């Protein structure tokens, strides 16, 4: 028997059929939830890793930039620092100020690192900070404390020439406290002796090394270099020579060929002398009395000048003064613009001048 399929009609309303809102939120299965959370965590982790990589790249680029500029500082062993490439301007004799520096290092540490050049064969070459390095080494030898075995150091840019290293050392010394004229002169002479940069002339060496200073100061350094060239082998404390005394002696040595032998004889007669004693010996040969110069320019010590006129040439810290004295007239000549001097100071100086004459 065949069954008949029942057919019936369904009447649908015209227009869109509205689906009733669910009475409860639809729930996701645990697998879907786990997948979604895992994907979100992976995305966040990737973002964090990308940010870290970008930061590391930026730090690496900044490190390379600072290294090229010589601004990287690190602790390096004092035993690996050499002091041979550059002739040091500091005297190798015992420096009393090193003792003060050692006391300061014990109390507050080192505030200014030394500067070195990293050598391709290993180790470092000192560029700036001879006294600081000396103090660290002395403290290590005296105490055996490992805190003095390494010193903070910054690195000069790679590829620096010897001339550039000398200039760095000199410029650092020019702003350092109390570097002496003799030490600057010694450095200029060593620069010539080593033939750095093809330099074989003292004037050229001074102009190169001390280019940051004014011409007058460079002139003083040349004078001291001339003085050391004649006396340095016999001087125990050249760094103690005051500027005015050194300039005066250099001038006298140029004018009186036999003076150097007399000074050497006086120095040899006082072995183991202190700095003060050596300066006192040199002061005995300083020009203390005026020199009268005739119109023809022949100097005479203590002789009255001809034609009622006296001409003096005296070295002072500001340069060499030419003084012409005659009846009713005193004339001072110096390479300086006196119109820039304050009127009050100028009047006080003139009053002091005539007060001294009495």
C-alpha atoms as a PDB file:
ATOM      1  CA  UNK A   1       0.000   0.000   0.000  1.00  0.00           C
ATOM      2  CA  UNK A   2       1.384   3.355  -0.950  1.00  0.00           C
ATOM      3  CA  UNK A   3       1.538   6.112   1.650  1.00  0.00           C
ATOM      4  CA  UNK A   4       0.573   9.541   0.516  1.00  0.00           C
ATOM      5  CA  UNK A   5       2.722  12.501   1.466  1.00  0.00           C
ATOM      6  CA  UNK A   6       0.723  15.150   3.104  1.00  0.00           C
ATOM      7  CA  UNK A   7       1.184  18.595   1.691  1.00  0.00           C
ATOM      8  CA  UNK A   8       0.102  21.778   3.404  1.00  0.00           C
ATOM      9  CA  UNK A   9       0.535  25.464   2.717  1.00  0.00           C
ATOM     10  CA  UNK A  10       2.249  27.953   5.002  1.00  0.00           C
ATOM     11  CA  UNK A  11       1.177  31.518   4.802  1.00  0.00           C
ATOM     12  CA  UNK A  12       4.073  33.972   5.365  1.00  0.00           C
ATOM     13  CA  UNK A  13       3.514  37.604   6.143  1.00  0.00           C
ATOM     14  CA  UNK A  14       4.584  40.205   3.592  1.00  0.00           C
ATOM     15  CA  UNK A  15       7.856  42.175   4.282  1.00  0.00           C
ATOM     16  CA  UNK A  16      10.900  41.259   6.358  1.00  0.00           C
ATOM     17  CA  UNK A  17      10.669  38.745   9.084  1.00  0.00           C
ATOM     18  CA  UNK A  18      11.991  39.989  12.406  1.00  0.00           C
ATOM     19  CA  UNK A  19      14.046  37.560  14.368  1.00  0.00           C
ATOM     20  CA  UNK A  20      13.368  37.819  18.033  1.00  0.00           C
ATOM     21  CA  UNK A  21      16.368  38.835  20.166  1.00  0.00           C
ATOM     22  CA  UNK A  22      17.856  36.016  22.138  1.00  0.00           C
ATOM     23  CA  UNK A  23      16.930  36.055  25.729  1.00  0.00           C
ATOM     24  CA  UNK A  24      20.472  34.925  26.773  1.00  0.00           C
ATOM     25  CA  UNK A  25      23.989  35.774  25.421  1.00  0.00           C
ATOM     26  CA  UNK A  26      25.385  33.214  23.107  1.00  0.00           C
ATOM     27  CA  UNK A  27      28.134  31.171  24.684  1.00  0.00           C
ATOM     28  CA  UNK A  28      31.410  30.289  22.913  1.00  0.00           C
ATOM     29  CA  UNK A  29      32.920  26.952  23.253  1.00  0.00           C
ATOM     30  CA  UNK A  30      36.056  26.440  25.383  1.00  0.00           C
ATOM     31  CA  UNK A  31      38.197  25.608  22.352  1.00  0.00           C
ATOM     32  CA  UNK A  32      37.258  28.862  20.553  1.00  0.00           C
ATOM     33  CA  UNK A  33      37.933  30.866  23.694  1.00  0.00           C
ATOM     34  CA  UNK A  34      41.370  29.269  24.133  1.00  0.00           C
ATOM     35  CA  UNK A  35      42.301  29.941  20.511  1.00  0.00           C
ATOM     36  CA  UNK A  36      41.238  33.590  20.749  1.00  0.00           C
ATOM     37  CA  UNK A  37      43.160  34.178  23.982  1.00  0.00           C
ATOM     38  CA  UNK A  38      46.270  32.460  22.625  1.00  0.00           C
ATOM     39  CA  UNK A  39      46.174  34.591  19.470  1.00  0.00           C
ATOM     40  CA  UNK A  40      45.773  37.787  21.480  1.00  0.00           C
ATOM     41  CA  UNK A  41      48.701  36.862  23.749  1.00  0.00           C
ATOM     42  CA  UNK A  42      50.891  36.050  20.742  1.00  0.00           C
ATOM     43  CA  UNK A  43      50.057  39.385  19.151  1.00  0.00           C
ATOM     44  CA  UNK A  44      50.905  41.291  22.344  1.00  0.00           C
ATOM     45  CA  UNK A  45      54.160  39.325  22.779  1.00  0.00           C
ATOM     46  CA  UNK A  46      55.153  40.100  19.178  1.00  0.00           C
ATOM     47  CA  UNK A  47      54.512  43.785  19.754  1.00  0.00           C
ATOM     48  CA  UNK A  48      56.629  43.759  22.935  1.00  0.00           C
ATOM     49  CA  UNK A  49      59.464  41.886  21.203  1.00  0.00           C
ATOM     50  CA  UNK A  50      59.388  44.326  18.285  1.00  0.00           C
ATOM     51  CA  UNK A  51      59.565  47.273  20.702  1.00  0.00           C
ATOM     52  CA  UNK A  52      62.513  45.671  22.540  1.00  0.00           C
ATOM     53  CA  UNK A  53      64.356  45.024  19.268  1.00  0.00           C
ATOM     54  CA  UNK A  54      63.779  48.636  18.169  1.00  0.00           C
ATOM     55  CA  UNK A  55      65.068  49.921  21.509  1.00  0.00           C
ATOM     56  CA  UNK A  56      68.139  47.669  21.355  1.00  0.00           C
ATOM     57  CA  UNK A  57      68.883  48.823  17.811  1.00  0.00           C
ATOM     58  CA  UNK A  58      68.584  52.448  18.910  1.00  0.00           C
ATOM     59  CA  UNK A  59      70.905  51.826  21.892  1.00  0.00           C
ATOM     60  CA  UNK A  60      73.426  50.057  19.668  1.00  0.00           C
ATOM     61  CA  UNK A  61      73.445  52.945  17.193  1.00  0.00           C
ATOM     62  CA  UNK A  62      73.803  55.421  20.062  1.00  0.00           C
ATOM     63  CA  UNK A  63      76.698  53.402  21.535  1.00  0.00           C
ATOM     64  CA  UNK A  64      78.498  53.425  18.181  1.00  0.00           C
ATOM     65  CA  UNK A  65      77.900  57.175  17.831  1.00  0.00           C
ATOM     66  CA  UNK A  66      79.243  57.923  21.326  1.00  0.00           C
ATOM     67  CA  UNK A  67      82.224  55.617  20.762  1.00  0.00           C
ATOM     68  CA  UNK A  68      83.150  57.470  17.573  1.00  0.00           C
ATOM     69  CA  UNK A  69      82.984  60.735  19.536  1.00  0.00           C
ATOM     70  CA  UNK A  70      85.186  59.340  22.302  1.00  0.00           C
ATOM     71  CA  UNK A  71      82.458  59.675  24.944  1.00  0.00           C
ATOM     72  CA  UNK A  72      82.418  56.088  26.205  1.00  0.00           C
ATOM     73  CA  UNK A  73      83.770  55.570  29.746  1.00  0.00           C
ATOM     74  CA  UNK A  74      84.794  52.253  31.281  1.00  0.00           C
ATOM     75  CA  UNK A  75      86.951  50.835  34.073  1.00  0.00           C
ATOM     76  CA  UNK A  76      90.339  49.673  32.776  1.00  0.00           C
ATOM     77  CA  UNK A  77      93.286  48.075  34.656  1.00  0.00           C
ATOM     78  CA  UNK A  78      95.996  50.588  35.551  1.00  0.00           C
ATOM     79  CA  UNK A  79      98.571  47.918  34.676  1.00  0.00           C
ATOM     80  CA  UNK A  80      97.444  47.970  31.036  1.00  0.00           C
ATOM     81  CA  UNK A  81      97.905  51.722  30.551  1.00  0.00           C
ATOM     82  CA  UNK A  82     101.129  52.731  28.796  1.00  0.00           C
ATOM     83  CA  UNK A  83     102.808  56.119  29.017  1.00  0.00           C
ATOM     84  CA  UNK A  84     105.221  55.952  26.100  1.00  0.00           C
ATOM     85  CA  UNK A  85     103.654  57.275  22.913  1.00  0.00           C
ATOM     86  CA  UNK A  86     103.515  60.907  24.032  1.00  0.00           C
ATOM     87  CA  UNK A  87     106.200  62.817  25.887  1.00  0.00           C
ATOM     88  CA  UNK A  88     104.555  63.963  29.086  1.00  0.00           C
ATOM     89  CA  UNK A  89     104.730  67.629  29.990  1.00  0.00           C
ATOM     90  CA  UNK A  90     104.794  66.817  33.680  1.00  0.00           C
ATOM     91  CA  UNK A  91     108.094  66.470  35.507  1.00  0.00           C
ATOM     92  CA  UNK A  92     108.974  62.896  36.452  1.00  0.00           C
ATOM     93  CA  UNK A  93     110.261  63.987  39.865  1.00  0.00           C
ATOM     94  CA  UNK A  94     108.122  63.528  42.953  1.00  0.00           C
ATOM     95  CA  UNK A  95     105.080  65.764  42.610  1.00  0.00           C
ATOM     96  CA  UNK A  96     103.779  67.049  45.974  1.00  0.00           C
ATOM     97  CA  UNK A  97     100.344  67.658  44.486  1.00  0.00           C
ATOM     98  CA  UNK A  98      99.992  63.918  43.826  1.00  0.00           C
ATOM     99  CA  UNK A  99      99.844  63.463  47.610  1.00  0.00           C
ATOM    100  CA  UNK A 100      96.919  65.900  47.764  1.00  0.00           C
ATOM    101  CA  UNK A 101      95.222  64.055  44.916  1.00  0.00           C
ATOM    102  CA  UNK A 102      95.671  60.722  46.710  1.00  0.00           C
ATOM    103  CA  UNK A 103      93.971  62.119  49.802  1.00  0.00           C
ATOM    104  CA  UNK A 104      91.124  63.426  47.648  1.00  0.00           C
ATOM    105  CA  UNK A 105      90.730  60.056  45.916  1.00  0.00           C
ATOM    106  CA  UNK A 106      90.478  58.278  49.262  1.00  0.00           C
ATOM    107  CA  UNK A 107      87.831  60.740  50.440  1.00  0.00           C
ATOM    108  CA  UNK A 108      85.582  61.303  47.410  1.00  0.00           C
ATOM    109  CA  UNK A 109      86.956  59.201  44.553  1.00  0.00           C
ATOM    110  CA  UNK A 110      87.808  60.262  41.019  1.00  0.00           C
ATOM    111  CA  UNK A 111      85.476  62.822  39.466  1.00  0.00           C
ATOM    112  CA  UNK A 112      87.218  63.174  36.096  1.00  0.00           C
ATOM    113  CA  UNK A 113      88.260  60.044  34.159  1.00  0.00           C
ATOM    114  CA  UNK A 114      91.536  59.775  32.315  1.00  0.00           C
ATOM    115  CA  UNK A 115      91.534  59.618  28.501  1.00  0.00           C
ATOM    116  CA  UNK A 116      93.204  56.788  26.654  1.00  0.00           C
ATOM    117  CA  UNK A 117      93.651  55.389  23.179  1.00  0.00           C
ATOM    118  CA  UNK A 118      92.834  51.700  22.784  1.00  0.00           C
ATOM    119  CA  UNK A 119      95.727  49.897  21.066  1.00  0.00           C
ATOM    120  CA  UNK A 120      95.177  47.272  18.390  1.00  0.00           C
ATOM    121  CA  UNK A 121      97.774  44.979  19.979  1.00  0.00           C
ATOM    122  CA  UNK A 122      96.074  45.218  23.372  1.00  0.00           C
ATOM    123  CA  UNK A 123      96.281  47.653  26.246  1.00  0.00           C
ATOM    124  CA  UNK A 124      95.861  51.420  26.234  1.00  0.00           C
ATOM    125  CA  UNK A 125      97.984  54.526  25.638  1.00  0.00           C
ATOM    126  CA  UNK A 126      97.508  57.456  28.006  1.00  0.00           C
ATOM    127  CA  UNK A 127      96.451  60.737  26.393  1.00  0.00           C
ATOM    128  CA  UNK A 128      95.246  62.804  29.373  1.00  0.00           C
ATOM    129  CA  UNK A 129      95.509  62.229  33.110  1.00  0.00           C
ATOM    130  CA  UNK A 130      99.131  61.397  33.953  1.00  0.00           C
ATOM    131  CA  UNK A 131      98.770  62.680  37.528  1.00  0.00           C
ATOM    132  CA  UNK A 132      95.483  60.811  38.093  1.00  0.00           C
ATOM    133  CA  UNK A 133      96.997  57.574  36.814  1.00  0.00           C
ATOM    134  CA  UNK A 134     100.113  58.102  38.955  1.00  0.00           C
ATOM    135  CA  UNK A 135      97.971  58.591  42.057  1.00  0.00           C
ATOM    136  CA  UNK A 136      95.977  55.401  41.374  1.00  0.00           C
ATOM    137  CA  UNK A 137      99.152  53.366  40.883  1.00  0.00           C
ATOM    138  CA  UNK A 138     100.703  54.794  44.041  1.00  0.00           C
ATOM    139  CA  UNK A 139      97.598  53.961  46.088  1.00  0.00           C
ATOM    140  CA  UNK A 140      97.553  50.425  44.693  1.00  0.00           C
ATOM    141  CA  UNK A 141     101.222  49.935  45.595  1.00  0.00           C
ATOM    142  CA  UNK A 142     100.760  51.384  49.084  1.00  0.00           C
ATOM    143  CA  UNK A 143      97.517  49.655  50.050  1.00  0.00           C
ATOM    144  CA  UNK A 144      97.183  46.600  47.811  1.00  0.00           C
ATOM    145  CA  UNK A 145      93.476  47.435  47.655  1.00  0.00           C
ATOM    146  CA  UNK A 146      91.840  46.249  44.424  1.00  0.00           C
ATOM    147  CA  UNK A 147      89.731  49.393  44.281  1.00  0.00           C
ATOM    148  CA  UNK A 148      92.829  51.143  42.895  1.00  0.00           C
ATOM    149  CA  UNK A 149      93.620  48.413  40.365  1.00  0.00           C
ATOM    150  CA  UNK A 150      91.220  49.845  37.774  1.00  0.00           C
ATOM    151  CA  UNK A 151      90.609  53.478  36.825  1.00  0.00           C
ATOM    152  CA  UNK A 152      87.700  55.164  35.002  1.00  0.00           C
ATOM    153  CA  UNK A 153      88.757  56.044  31.471  1.00  0.00           C
ATOM    154  CA  UNK A 154      87.155  57.527  28.383  1.00  0.00           C
ATOM    155  CA  UNK A 155      88.379  56.613  24.924  1.00  0.00           C
ATOM    156  CA  UNK A 156      89.552  58.986  22.234  1.00  0.00           C
ATOM    157  CA  UNK A 157      88.031  58.404  18.791  1.00  0.00           C
ATOM    158  CA  UNK A 158      89.827  55.669  16.842  1.00  0.00           C
ATOM    159  CA  UNK A 159      92.256  56.724  14.135  1.00  0.00           C
ATOM    160  CA  UNK A 160      93.539  59.817  15.973  1.00  0.00           C
ATOM    161  CA  UNK A 161      96.934  60.997  14.708  1.00  0.00           C
ATOM    162  CA  UNK A 162      99.889  61.580  17.014  1.00  0.00           C
ATOM    163  CA  UNK A 163      99.581  65.312  16.315  1.00  0.00           C
ATOM    164  CA  UNK A 164      95.940  65.173  17.353  1.00  0.00           C
ATOM    165  CA  UNK A 165      96.798  63.297  20.557  1.00  0.00           C
ATOM    166  CA  UNK A 166      99.418  65.918  21.448  1.00  0.00           C
ATOM    167  CA  UNK A 167      96.880  68.688  20.883  1.00  0.00           C
ATOM    168  CA  UNK A 168      94.340  66.935  23.078  1.00  0.00           C
ATOM    169  CA  UNK A 169      96.886  66.611  25.873  1.00  0.00           C
ATOM    170  CA  UNK A 170      98.025  70.216  25.567  1.00  0.00           C
ATOM    171  CA  UNK A 171      94.531  71.706  25.436  1.00  0.00           C
ATOM    172  CA  UNK A 172      93.537  69.698  28.490  1.00  0.00           C
ATOM    173  CA  UNK A 173      96.624  70.950  30.305  1.00  0.00           C
ATOM    174  CA  UNK A 174      95.957  74.574  29.391  1.00  0.00           C
ATOM    175  CA  UNK A 175      92.786  74.553  31.447  1.00  0.00           C
ATOM    176  CA  UNK A 176      94.327  72.451  34.197  1.00  0.00           C
ATOM    177  CA  UNK A 177      95.372  74.176  37.383  1.00  0.00           C
ATOM    178  CA  UNK A 178      98.913  75.551  37.612  1.00  0.00           C
ATOM    179  CA  UNK A 179     100.706  73.961  34.699  1.00  0.00           C
ATOM    180  CA  UNK A 180     104.066  75.692  34.655  1.00  0.00           C
ATOM    181  CA  UNK A 181     105.757  77.564  31.846  1.00  0.00           C
ATOM    182  CA  UNK A 182     108.723  75.215  31.996  1.00  0.00           C
ATOM    183  CA  UNK A 183     106.448  72.203  31.495  1.00  0.00           C
ATOM    184  CA  UNK A 184     104.843  73.765  28.430  1.00  0.00           C
ATOM    185  CA  UNK A 185     108.274  74.664  27.058  1.00  0.00           C
ATOM    186  CA  UNK A 186     109.539  71.129  27.697  1.00  0.00           C
ATOM    187  CA  UNK A 187     106.631  69.688  25.750  1.00  0.00           C
ATOM    188  CA  UNK A 188     107.298  71.992  22.782  1.00  0.00           C
ATOM    189  CA  UNK A 189     110.954  70.969  22.713  1.00  0.00           C
ATOM    190  CA  UNK A 190     110.039  67.282  22.900  1.00  0.00           C
ATOM    191  CA  UNK A 191     107.597  67.783  20.035  1.00  0.00           C
ATOM    192  CA  UNK A 192     110.470  69.046  17.888  1.00  0.00           C
ATOM    193  CA  UNK A 193     112.890  66.353  19.077  1.00  0.00           C
ATOM    194  CA  UNK A 194     110.408  63.614  18.109  1.00  0.00           C
ATOM    195  CA  UNK A 195     109.722  65.253  14.745  1.00  0.00           C
ATOM    196  CA  UNK A 196     105.975  64.917  15.222  1.00  0.00           C
ATOM    197  CA  UNK A 197     104.124  65.876  12.067  1.00  0.00           C
ATOM    198  CA  UNK A 198     107.417  66.625  10.362  1.00  0.00           C
ATOM    199  CA  UNK A 199     107.970  69.546  12.744  1.00  0.00           C
ATOM    200  CA  UNK A 200     111.666  70.466  13.148  1.00  0.00           C
ATOM    201  CA  UNK A 201     111.367  74.055  14.336  1.00  0.00           C
ATOM    202  CA  UNK A 202     110.512  75.299  17.835  1.00  0.00           C
ATOM    203  CA  UNK A 203     108.411  78.215  16.596  1.00  0.00           C
ATOM    204  CA  UNK A 204     106.370  75.873  14.445  1.00  0.00           C
ATOM    205  CA  UNK A 205     105.938  73.442  17.343  1.00  0.00           C
ATOM    206  CA  UNK A 206     104.718  76.167  19.692  1.00  0.00           C
ATOM    207  CA  UNK A 207     102.303  77.528  17.098  1.00  0.00           C
ATOM    208  CA  UNK A 208     100.925  74.053  16.451  1.00  0.00           C
ATOM    209  CA  UNK A 209     100.677  72.775  20.006  1.00  0.00           C
ATOM    210  CA  UNK A 210      99.441  75.984  21.601  1.00  0.00           C
ATOM    211  CA  UNK A 211      97.221  77.237  18.798  1.00  0.00           C
ATOM    212  CA  UNK A 212      94.424  77.723  21.343  1.00  0.00           C
ATOM    213  CA  UNK A 213      96.405  80.399  23.228  1.00  0.00           C
ATOM    214  CA  UNK A 214      97.092  84.024  22.336  1.00  0.00           C
ATOM    215  CA  UNK A 215     100.316  85.062  20.539  1.00  0.00           C
ATOM    216  CA  UNK A 216     101.776  86.679  23.641  1.00  0.00           C
ATOM    217  CA  UNK A 217     101.548  83.462  25.636  1.00  0.00           C
ATOM    218  CA  UNK A 218     103.167  81.548  22.797  1.00  0.00           C
ATOM    219  CA  UNK A 219     106.001  84.078  22.881  1.00  0.00           C
ATOM    220  CA  UNK A 220     106.515  83.379  26.594  1.00  0.00           C
ATOM    221  CA  UNK A 221     106.649  79.636  25.932  1.00  0.00           C
ATOM    222  CA  UNK A 222     109.362  80.180  23.320  1.00  0.00           C
ATOM    223  CA  UNK A 223     111.372  82.216  25.840  1.00  0.00           C
ATOM    224  CA  UNK A 224     111.119  79.464  28.426  1.00  0.00           C
ATOM    225  CA  UNK A 225     112.079  76.876  25.811  1.00  0.00           C
ATOM    226  CA  UNK A 226     115.193  78.923  25.085  1.00  0.00           C
ATOM    227  CA  UNK A 227     115.952  79.105  28.810  1.00  0.00           C
ATOM    228  CA  UNK A 228     115.580  75.342  29.247  1.00  0.00           C
ATOM    229  CA  UNK A 229     117.737  74.697  26.226  1.00  0.00           C
ATOM    230  CA  UNK A 230     120.619  76.326  28.094  1.00  0.00           C
ATOM    231  CA  UNK A 231     119.977  75.306  31.690  1.00  0.00           C
ATOM    232  CA  UNK A 232     117.571  72.373  31.944  1.00  0.00           C
ATOM    233  CA  UNK A 233     120.273  69.725  32.515  1.00  0.00           C
ATOM    234  CA  UNK A 234     121.354  71.649  35.614  1.00  0.00           C
ATOM    235  CA  UNK A 235     117.916  72.611  36.968  1.00  0.00           C
ATOM    236  CA  UNK A 236     116.256  70.475  39.623  1.00  0.00           C
ATOM    237  CA  UNK A 237     112.957  72.374  39.765  1.00  0.00           C
ATOM    238  CA  UNK A 238     112.367  74.183  36.449  1.00  0.00           C
ATOM    239  CA  UNK A 239     108.579  74.091  36.952  1.00  0.00           C
ATOM    240  CA  UNK A 240     109.032  76.392  39.984  1.00  0.00           C
ATOM    241  CA  UNK A 241     110.509  79.276  37.942  1.00  0.00           C
ATOM    242  CA  UNK A 242     108.066  82.208  37.921  1.00  0.00           C
ATOM    243  CA  UNK A 243     107.118  83.698  34.594  1.00  0.00           C
ATOM    244  CA  UNK A 244     108.749  87.101  35.122  1.00  0.00           C
ATOM    245  CA  UNK A 245     112.022  85.541  36.297  1.00  0.00           C
ATOM    246  CA  UNK A 246     112.137  83.085  33.404  1.00  0.00           C
ATOM    247  CA  UNK A 247     111.494  85.775  30.807  1.00  0.00           C
ATOM    248  CA  UNK A 248     114.116  88.058  32.301  1.00  0.00           C
ATOM    249  CA  UNK A 249     116.759  85.322  32.458  1.00  0.00           C
ATOM    250  CA  UNK A 250     116.017  84.221  28.896  1.00  0.00           C
ATOM    251  CA  UNK A 251     116.542  87.780  27.692  1.00  0.00           C
ATOM    252  CA  UNK A 252     119.814  88.141  29.622  1.00  0.00           C
ATOM    253  CA  UNK A 253     121.114  84.814  28.324  1.00  0.00           C
ATOM    254  CA  UNK A 254     120.549  86.058  24.771  1.00  0.00           C
ATOM    255  CA  UNK A 255     122.454  89.275  25.484  1.00  0.00           C
ATOM    256  CA  UNK A 256     125.285  87.883  27.638  1.00  0.00           C
ATOM    257  CA  UNK A 257     126.894  84.692  26.251  1.00  0.00           C
ATOM    258  CA  UNK A 258     128.939  84.020  29.405  1.00  0.00           C
ATOM    259  CA  UNK A 259     126.005  84.229  31.792  1.00  0.00           C
ATOM    260  CA  UNK A 260     124.898  80.596  31.362  1.00  0.00           C
ATOM    261  CA  UNK A 261     128.245  79.285  32.647  1.00  0.00           C
ATOM    262  CA  UNK A 262     128.029  81.481  35.768  1.00  0.00           C
ATOM    263  CA  UNK A 263     124.474  80.304  36.503  1.00  0.00           C
ATOM    264  CA  UNK A 264     125.469  76.649  36.068  1.00  0.00           C
ATOM    265  CA  UNK A 265     128.416  77.141  38.433  1.00  0.00           C
ATOM    266  CA  UNK A 266     126.152  78.648  41.094  1.00  0.00           C
ATOM    267  CA  UNK A 267     123.646  75.797  40.732  1.00  0.00           C
ATOM    268  CA  UNK A 268     126.330  73.130  40.997  1.00  0.00           C
ATOM    269  CA  UNK A 269     127.559  74.725  44.215  1.00  0.00           C
ATOM    270  CA  UNK A 270     124.192  73.960  45.857  1.00  0.00           C
ATOM    271  CA  UNK A 271     123.367  70.252  45.436  1.00  0.00           C
ATOM    272  CA  UNK A 272     120.138  68.798  46.872  1.00  0.00           C
ATOM    273  CA  UNK A 273     118.531  72.194  46.838  1.00  0.00           C
ATOM    274  CA  UNK A 274     114.825  72.813  47.263  1.00  0.00           C
ATOM    275  CA  UNK A 275     112.654  74.581  44.710  1.00  0.00           C
ATOM    276  CA  UNK A 276     112.755  77.782  46.777  1.00  0.00           C
ATOM    277  CA  UNK A 277     116.549  77.644  47.015  1.00  0.00           C
ATOM    278  CA  UNK A 278     116.916  77.108  43.281  1.00  0.00           C
ATOM    279  CA  UNK A 279     114.666  80.071  42.482  1.00  0.00           C
ATOM    280  CA  UNK A 280     116.680  82.204  44.918  1.00  0.00           C
ATOM    281  CA  UNK A 281     119.905  81.286  43.100  1.00  0.00           C
ATOM    282  CA  UNK A 282     118.400  82.219  39.740  1.00  0.00           C
ATOM    283  CA  UNK A 283     117.115  85.510  41.136  1.00  0.00           C
ATOM    284  CA  UNK A 284     120.710  86.523  41.891  1.00  0.00           C
ATOM    285  CA  UNK A 285     121.269  86.676  38.137  1.00  0.00           C
ATOM    286  CA  UNK A 286     118.075  88.552  37.370  1.00  0.00           C
ATOM    287  CA  UNK A 287     118.423  92.070  35.983  1.00  0.00           C
ATOM    288  CA  UNK A 288     117.578  94.205  38.979  1.00  0.00           C
ATOM    289  CA  UNK A 289     119.313  97.432  38.030  1.00  0.00           C
ATOM    290  CA  UNK A 290     118.306  99.500  34.971  1.00  0.00           C
ATOM    291  CA  UNK A 291     120.456  99.383  31.843  1.00  0.00           C
ATOM    292  CA  UNK A 292     121.221 102.664  30.168  1.00  0.00           C
ATOM    293  CA  UNK A 293     121.330 102.531  26.382  1.00  0.00           C
ATOM    294  CA  UNK A 294     123.092 105.140  24.328  1.00  0.00           C
ATOM    295  CA  UNK A 295     121.559 106.535  21.129  1.00  0.00           C
ATOM    296  CA  UNK A 296     123.644 104.004  19.173  1.00  0.00           C
ATOM    297  CA  UNK A 297     122.083 101.170  21.163  1.00  0.00           C
ATOM    298  CA  UNK A 298     125.194 100.066  23.110  1.00  0.00           C
ATOM    299  CA  UNK A 299     124.080  98.852  26.547  1.00  0.00           C
ATOM    300  CA  UNK A 300     125.999  99.847  29.622  1.00  0.00           C
ATOM    301  CA  UNK A 301     125.237  98.688  33.133  1.00  0.00           C
ATOM    302  CA  UNK A 302     124.937 101.606  35.505  1.00  0.00           C
ATOM    303  CA  UNK A 303     126.383 104.165  33.079  1.00  0.00           C
ATOM    304  CA  UNK A 304     124.541 107.418  32.585  1.00  0.00           C
ATOM    305  CA  UNK A 305     123.027 107.695  29.137  1.00  0.00           C
ATOM    306  CA  UNK A 306     124.454 110.177  26.706  1.00  0.00           C
ATOM    307  CA  UNK A 307     122.703 113.424  25.814  1.00  0.00           C
ATOM    308  CA  UNK A 308     120.664 113.368  29.040  1.00  0.00           C
ATOM    309  CA  UNK A 309     118.485 110.514  27.857  1.00  0.00           C
ATOM    310  CA  UNK A 310     117.956 107.026  29.298  1.00  0.00           C
ATOM    311  CA  UNK A 311     116.338 104.162  27.439  1.00  0.00           C
ATOM    312  CA  UNK A 312     115.314 100.973  29.247  1.00  0.00           C
ATOM    313  CA  UNK A 313     113.914  97.726  27.898  1.00  0.00           C
ATOM    314  CA  UNK A 314     112.409  95.653  30.673  1.00  0.00           C
ATOM    315  CA  UNK A 315     110.523  92.358  30.417  1.00  0.00           C
ATOM    316  CA  UNK A 316     107.261  92.242  32.365  1.00  0.00           C
ATOM    317  CA  UNK A 317     104.414  89.698  32.397  1.00  0.00           C
ATOM    318  CA  UNK A 318     102.546  91.665  29.725  1.00  0.00           C
ATOM    319  CA  UNK A 319     105.538  91.814  27.371  1.00  0.00           C
ATOM    320  CA  UNK A 320     108.643  93.975  26.962  1.00  0.00           C
ATOM    321  CA  UNK A 321     108.351  97.647  27.923  1.00  0.00           C
ATOM    322  CA  UNK A 322     110.491 100.308  26.308  1.00  0.00           C
ATOM    323  CA  UNK A 323     110.955 103.252  28.647  1.00  0.00           C
ATOM    324  CA  UNK A 324     112.458 106.533  27.461  1.00  0.00           C
ATOM    325  CA  UNK A 325     113.351 108.983  30.210  1.00  0.00           C
ATOM    326  CA  UNK A 326     114.514 112.561  29.534  1.00  0.00           C
ATOM    327  CA  UNK A 327     114.273 115.980  31.120  1.00  0.00           C
ATOM    328  CA  UNK A 328     110.581 116.585  31.851  1.00  0.00           C
ATOM    329  CA  UNK A 329     109.515 113.439  29.992  1.00  0.00           C
ATOM    330  CA  UNK A 330     108.911 109.745  30.678  1.00  0.00           C
ATOM    331  CA  UNK A 331     107.583 107.640  27.820  1.00  0.00           C
ATOM    332  CA  UNK A 332     106.467 104.012  28.136  1.00  0.00           C
ATOM    333  CA  UNK A 333     105.885 101.882  25.052  1.00  0.00           C
ATOM    334  CA  UNK A 334     104.179  98.478  25.144  1.00  0.00           C
ATOM    335  CA  UNK A 335     102.221  96.502  22.576  1.00  0.00           C
ATOM    336  CA  UNK A 336      98.871  97.248  24.187  1.00  0.00           C
ATOM    337  CA  UNK A 337      95.938  99.569  23.573  1.00  0.00           C
ATOM    338  CA  UNK A 338      95.913 101.709  26.712  1.00  0.00           C
ATOM    339  CA  UNK A 339      92.828 103.580  25.541  1.00  0.00           C
ATOM    340  CA  UNK A 340      90.813 100.538  26.608  1.00  0.00           C
ATOM    341  CA  UNK A 341      92.021 100.771  30.219  1.00  0.00           C
ATOM    342  CA  UNK A 342      89.482 102.145  32.666  1.00  0.00           C
ATOM    343  CA  UNK A 343      90.230 105.803  33.436  1.00  0.00           C
ATOM    344  CA  UNK A 344      90.180 105.234  37.199  1.00  0.00           C
ATOM    345  CA  UNK A 345      92.685 102.387  36.967  1.00  0.00           C
ATOM    346  CA  UNK A 346      94.910 104.402  34.649  1.00  0.00           C
ATOM    347  CA  UNK A 347      94.962 107.353  37.069  1.00  0.00           C
ATOM    348  CA  UNK A 348      95.759 105.038  39.988  1.00  0.00           C
ATOM    349  CA  UNK A 349      98.622 103.455  38.047  1.00  0.00           C
ATOM    350  CA  UNK A 350     100.117 106.859  37.157  1.00  0.00           C
ATOM    351  CA  UNK A 351      99.847 107.998  40.783  1.00  0.00           C
ATOM    352  CA  UNK A 352     101.567 104.791  41.959  1.00  0.00           C
ATOM    353  CA  UNK A 353     104.305 105.306  39.369  1.00  0.00           C
ATOM    354  CA  UNK A 354     105.203 108.803  40.554  1.00  0.00           C
ATOM    355  CA  UNK A 355     104.729 107.871  44.197  1.00  0.00           C
ATOM    356  CA  UNK A 356     107.361 105.164  43.741  1.00  0.00           C
ATOM    357  CA  UNK A 357     109.747 107.642  42.125  1.00  0.00           C
ATOM    358  CA  UNK A 358     109.322 109.907  45.181  1.00  0.00           C
END
